């Protein structure tokens, strides 16, 4: 499984037309190697240091999606 890592930034100020940013967390996008399909997304945020946030959980291969 491949993982893409994205930085989360928050605008901390502006001075003379220049924006200043602080890193506030990281977003992890886990994808299937063969198809590139997103399997799960999780977030680590500095406002919630002990909390694991998941946009949607990793699915067990034995748990098929039904409509």
C-alpha atoms as a PDB file:
ATOM      1  CA  UNK A   1       0.000   0.000   0.000  1.00  0.00           C
ATOM      2  CA  UNK A   2       1.402   3.382  -0.993  1.00  0.00           C
ATOM      3  CA  UNK A   3       1.030   6.444   1.209  1.00  0.00           C
ATOM      4  CA  UNK A   4       0.955  10.072   0.134  1.00  0.00           C
ATOM      5  CA  UNK A   5       1.774  12.615   2.833  1.00  0.00           C
ATOM      6  CA  UNK A   6       0.373  16.149   2.668  1.00  0.00           C
ATOM      7  CA  UNK A   7       1.254  19.020   5.004  1.00  0.00           C
ATOM      8  CA  UNK A   8      -1.575  20.939   6.660  1.00  0.00           C
ATOM      9  CA  UNK A   9      -0.844  24.644   7.127  1.00  0.00           C
ATOM     10  CA  UNK A  10      -2.754  27.473   8.745  1.00  0.00           C
ATOM     11  CA  UNK A  11      -2.295  31.130   7.870  1.00  0.00           C
ATOM     12  CA  UNK A  12      -0.660  32.742  10.887  1.00  0.00           C
ATOM     13  CA  UNK A  13      -0.354  36.283   9.615  1.00  0.00           C
ATOM     14  CA  UNK A  14       0.220  38.735   6.817  1.00  0.00           C
ATOM     15  CA  UNK A  15       2.648  41.607   6.544  1.00  0.00           C
ATOM     16  CA  UNK A  16       3.188  43.901   3.574  1.00  0.00           C
ATOM     17  CA  UNK A  17       1.394  41.528   1.210  1.00  0.00           C
ATOM     18  CA  UNK A  18       3.310  38.430   2.354  1.00  0.00           C
ATOM     19  CA  UNK A  19       1.433  35.530   3.964  1.00  0.00           C
ATOM     20  CA  UNK A  20       2.986  33.571   6.822  1.00  0.00           C
ATOM     21  CA  UNK A  21       2.038  29.955   7.472  1.00  0.00           C
ATOM     22  CA  UNK A  22       2.470  27.552  10.387  1.00  0.00           C
ATOM     23  CA  UNK A  23       2.332  23.789   9.955  1.00  0.00           C
ATOM     24  CA  UNK A  24      -0.566  22.430  11.995  1.00  0.00           C
ATOM     25  CA  UNK A  25      -0.670  18.788  10.952  1.00  0.00           C
ATOM     26  CA  UNK A  26      -0.193  16.063   8.384  1.00  0.00           C
ATOM     27  CA  UNK A  27      -2.669  14.201   6.168  1.00  0.00           C
ATOM     28  CA  UNK A  28      -1.907  10.598   5.132  1.00  0.00           C
ATOM     29  CA  UNK A  29      -3.642   9.171   2.040  1.00  0.00           C
ATOM     30  CA  UNK A  30      -3.234   5.380   1.728  1.00  0.00           C
ATOM     31  CA  UNK A  31      -3.802   3.990  -1.765  1.00  0.00           C
ATOM     32  CA  UNK A  32      -3.840   0.586  -3.404  1.00  0.00           C
ATOM     33  CA  UNK A  33      -0.593  -0.012  -5.312  1.00  0.00           C
ATOM     34  CA  UNK A  34      -2.262  -1.687  -8.292  1.00  0.00           C
ATOM     35  CA  UNK A  35      -5.288   0.553  -8.879  1.00  0.00           C
ATOM     36  CA  UNK A  36      -4.407   3.781  -7.086  1.00  0.00           C
ATOM     37  CA  UNK A  37      -7.760   3.597  -5.268  1.00  0.00           C
ATOM     38  CA  UNK A  38      -7.852   5.449  -1.937  1.00  0.00           C
ATOM     39  CA  UNK A  39      -8.156   2.943   0.895  1.00  0.00           C
ATOM     40  CA  UNK A  40      -8.014   5.266   3.906  1.00  0.00           C
ATOM     41  CA  UNK A  41      -7.223   8.813   4.964  1.00  0.00           C
ATOM     42  CA  UNK A  42      -5.889   9.688   8.396  1.00  0.00           C
ATOM     43  CA  UNK A  43      -4.947  12.999   9.989  1.00  0.00           C
ATOM     44  CA  UNK A  44      -2.527  14.014  12.714  1.00  0.00           C
ATOM     45  CA  UNK A  45      -3.219  17.542  13.973  1.00  0.00           C
ATOM     46  CA  UNK A  46      -1.257  19.479  16.587  1.00  0.00           C
ATOM     47  CA  UNK A  47      -4.461  20.708  18.293  1.00  0.00           C
ATOM     48  CA  UNK A  48      -5.360  17.052  19.025  1.00  0.00           C
ATOM     49  CA  UNK A  49      -1.988  15.373  19.671  1.00  0.00           C
ATOM     50  CA  UNK A  50      -3.315  12.156  21.222  1.00  0.00           C
ATOM     51  CA  UNK A  51      -6.233  11.629  18.820  1.00  0.00           C
ATOM     52  CA  UNK A  52      -6.086   9.476  15.695  1.00  0.00           C
ATOM     53  CA  UNK A  53      -8.518  10.926  13.144  1.00  0.00           C
ATOM     54  CA  UNK A  54      -9.587   8.788  10.195  1.00  0.00           C
ATOM     55  CA  UNK A  55     -11.708  10.041   7.303  1.00  0.00           C
ATOM     56  CA  UNK A  56     -12.757   6.494   6.582  1.00  0.00           C
ATOM     57  CA  UNK A  57     -11.225   3.396   8.119  1.00  0.00           C
ATOM     58  CA  UNK A  58      -9.125   0.806   6.398  1.00  0.00           C
ATOM     59  CA  UNK A  59     -11.435  -1.942   5.167  1.00  0.00           C
ATOM     60  CA  UNK A  60     -10.813  -5.600   5.703  1.00  0.00           C
ATOM     61  CA  UNK A  61     -10.543  -7.420   2.367  1.00  0.00           C
ATOM     62  CA  UNK A  62     -13.097  -9.921   3.716  1.00  0.00           C
ATOM     63  CA  UNK A  63     -15.642  -7.134   4.313  1.00  0.00           C
ATOM     64  CA  UNK A  64     -17.193  -6.446   0.871  1.00  0.00           C
ATOM     65  CA  UNK A  65     -18.950  -3.162   0.103  1.00  0.00           C
ATOM     66  CA  UNK A  66     -22.708  -3.644  -0.375  1.00  0.00           C
ATOM     67  CA  UNK A  67     -25.297  -1.154  -1.487  1.00  0.00           C
END
